[in-house]
Amino acid sequence: AAKFFNLFATELHNVQNHCERVHGTKLHEGDHWHGPGSIKHWTYVIDGKVHKCLEKVEEIDEENKKITYKLFGEDIDQHYKVFKFILEVIDNKGVGHDAVKWTVEYEKLNEDIDPPNAYMDFLSKCTKDIDANLLKA
């Protein structure tokens, strides 16, 4: 659980090395990856189609191992007014299995837009890939 949380809290630029669906990440704005206000540019694949967006961390709660990301720009803005990923890593401290919980908060531009089910599938698959790679390390 700690390795997973640390990847997203302090080594976000390495996610692309653990998940083949993430094709690229780069620092778009700011002094460093995890600095306040830094904005990252992401290129990723969902349902066989390349997507791009910008992302910034809104909040990191180290104690509860919870991170809130705001996604915007490019493909996101074509469908959503608000789009956030919330990552919560649950460390059961050796009692039972640790868990990763993703929450997607969104507001559609209009009622004709589908809910972001493909993003939930993307997060689930990436989580499995990342977990498998971290367990090997």
Protein backbone atom coordinates (compact mmCIF):
# COMPACT_ATOMS: atom_id res chain seq x y z
CA ALA A 1 0.00 0.00 0.00
CA ALA A 2 2.81 2.41 0.88
CA LYS A 3 4.57 1.86 -2.47
CA PHE A 4 1.35 2.49 -4.38
CA PHE A 5 0.57 5.70 -2.49
CA ASN A 6 4.16 6.95 -2.80
CA LEU A 7 4.11 6.42 -6.57
CA PHE A 8 1.14 8.77 -6.87
CA ALA A 9 2.23 11.19 -4.13
CA THR A 10 5.94 11.59 -4.94
CA GLU A 11 6.75 9.81 -8.23
CA LEU A 12 3.81 10.60 -10.49
CA HIS A 13 6.13 10.92 -13.50
CA ASN A 14 6.85 7.17 -13.19
CA VAL A 15 3.23 6.04 -13.64
CA GLN A 16 3.85 5.70 -17.39
CA ASN A 17 6.56 3.13 -16.61
CA HIS A 18 4.08 0.91 -14.76
CA CYS A 19 0.97 1.20 -16.94
CA GLU A 20 1.03 0.72 -20.71
CA ARG A 21 -2.23 2.68 -21.09
CA VAL A 22 -0.40 5.85 -20.04
CA HIS A 23 1.68 6.86 -23.04
CA GLY A 24 3.28 10.01 -21.69
CA THR A 25 3.42 12.56 -18.94
CA LYS A 26 5.26 15.84 -18.80
CA LEU A 27 5.41 18.84 -16.55
CA HIS A 28 3.32 21.51 -18.27
CA GLU A 29 3.55 24.31 -15.69
CA GLY A 30 5.39 24.78 -12.40
CA ASP A 31 8.85 24.19 -10.97
CA HIS A 32 8.57 20.49 -10.20
CA TRP A 33 6.12 17.59 -10.44
CA HIS A 34 4.75 17.75 -6.93
CA GLY A 35 4.98 21.47 -6.26
CA PRO A 36 1.90 23.48 -5.37
CA GLY A 37 0.08 24.55 -8.51
CA SER A 38 2.13 22.38 -10.85
CA ILE A 39 0.22 21.19 -13.91
CA LYS A 40 1.01 17.99 -15.76
CA HIS A 41 0.09 17.01 -19.34
CA TRP A 42 -1.07 13.41 -19.81
CA THR A 43 -1.46 11.24 -22.91
CA TYR A 44 -3.32 7.97 -22.36
CA VAL A 45 -5.43 5.36 -24.16
CA ILE A 46 -9.04 4.51 -23.37
CA ASP A 47 -10.95 2.01 -25.51
CA GLY A 48 -8.17 2.07 -28.10
CA LYS A 49 -8.34 5.85 -28.58
CA VAL A 50 -5.62 8.32 -27.55
CA HIS A 51 -6.78 11.02 -25.12
CA LYS A 52 -5.01 14.04 -23.63
CA CYS A 53 -5.67 16.23 -20.62
CA LEU A 54 -4.05 18.45 -18.02
CA GLU A 55 -3.97 17.56 -14.34
CA LYS A 56 -3.13 19.21 -11.06
CA VAL A 57 -3.16 17.91 -7.53
CA GLU A 58 -5.81 19.63 -5.44
CA GLU A 59 -5.03 17.90 -2.16
CA ILE A 60 -2.72 15.31 -0.66
CA ASP A 61 -3.77 13.84 2.69
CA GLU A 62 -0.70 11.83 3.74
CA GLU A 63 -2.25 10.62 6.99
CA ASN A 64 -5.26 9.05 5.25
CA LYS A 65 -3.32 8.20 2.06
CA LYS A 66 -5.76 10.16 -0.10
CA ILE A 67 -5.02 12.34 -3.15
CA THR A 68 -7.45 14.48 -5.16
CA TYR A 69 -6.57 15.27 -8.79
CA LYS A 70 -8.37 17.81 -10.95
CA LEU A 71 -8.36 16.93 -14.67
CA PHE A 72 -9.15 19.56 -17.29
CA GLY A 73 -8.34 20.84 -20.76
CA GLU A 74 -8.23 19.04 -24.09
CA ASP A 75 -10.45 15.92 -24.14
CA ILE A 76 -11.90 16.44 -20.65
CA ASP A 77 -13.33 19.90 -21.41
CA GLN A 78 -15.21 18.52 -24.43
CA HIS A 79 -17.47 16.50 -22.11
CA TYR A 80 -17.23 17.70 -18.51
CA LYS A 81 -17.42 20.95 -16.51
CA VAL A 82 -15.80 19.26 -13.50
CA PHE A 83 -13.69 16.11 -13.53
CA LYS A 84 -11.73 14.76 -10.56
CA PHE A 85 -10.00 11.53 -9.63
CA ILE A 86 -9.76 10.77 -5.92
CA LEU A 87 -7.28 8.07 -4.96
CA GLU A 88 -7.52 6.45 -1.55
CA VAL A 89 -5.04 3.75 -0.52
CA ILE A 90 -6.30 1.67 2.38
CA ASP A 91 -3.50 0.08 4.39
CA ASN A 92 -4.91 -2.70 6.57
CA LYS A 93 -1.59 -2.97 8.41
CA GLY A 94 -1.20 -6.69 7.84
CA VAL A 95 -4.77 -7.59 8.77
CA GLY A 96 -6.52 -8.63 5.57
CA HIS A 97 -5.75 -7.17 2.18
CA ASP A 98 -4.76 -3.60 1.43
CA ALA A 99 -7.02 -1.82 -1.06
CA VAL A 100 -7.02 0.97 -3.60
CA LYS A 101 -10.20 2.97 -4.05
CA TRP A 102 -10.76 5.37 -6.96
CA THR A 103 -13.63 7.85 -6.98
CA VAL A 104 -14.52 9.89 -10.06
CA GLU A 105 -16.37 13.14 -9.43
CA TYR A 106 -17.75 14.79 -12.53
CA GLU A 107 -20.30 17.20 -13.91
CA LYS A 108 -21.34 16.63 -17.52
CA LEU A 109 -21.61 19.56 -19.95
CA ASN A 110 -25.08 18.32 -20.87
CA GLU A 111 -27.37 15.33 -20.39
CA ASP A 112 -26.36 13.81 -23.75
CA ILE A 113 -22.85 13.08 -22.43
CA ASP A 114 -22.30 9.53 -21.17
CA PRO A 115 -21.04 8.95 -17.63
CA PRO A 116 -17.27 8.31 -17.54
CA ASN A 117 -17.50 4.51 -17.25
CA ALA A 118 -14.54 4.10 -19.61
CA TYR A 119 -12.42 6.14 -17.19
CA MET A 120 -13.38 3.82 -14.32
CA ASP A 121 -12.36 0.84 -16.44
CA PHE A 122 -9.10 2.65 -17.31
CA LEU A 123 -8.35 3.28 -13.61
CA SER A 124 -9.14 -0.32 -12.69
CA LYS A 125 -6.83 -1.72 -15.38
CA CYS A 126 -4.04 0.74 -14.56
CA THR A 127 -4.32 -0.11 -10.86
CA LYS A 128 -3.89 -3.82 -11.62
CA ASP A 129 -0.89 -3.14 -13.90
CA ILE A 130 0.78 -0.82 -11.40
CA ASP A 131 0.16 -3.21 -8.50
CA ALA A 132 1.68 -6.12 -10.44
CA ASN A 133 4.76 -4.05 -11.34
CA LEU A 134 5.25 -2.76 -7.80
CA LEU A 135 5.01 -6.29 -6.39
CA LYS A 136 7.81 -7.40 -8.76
CA ALA A 137 10.08 -4.55 -7.65
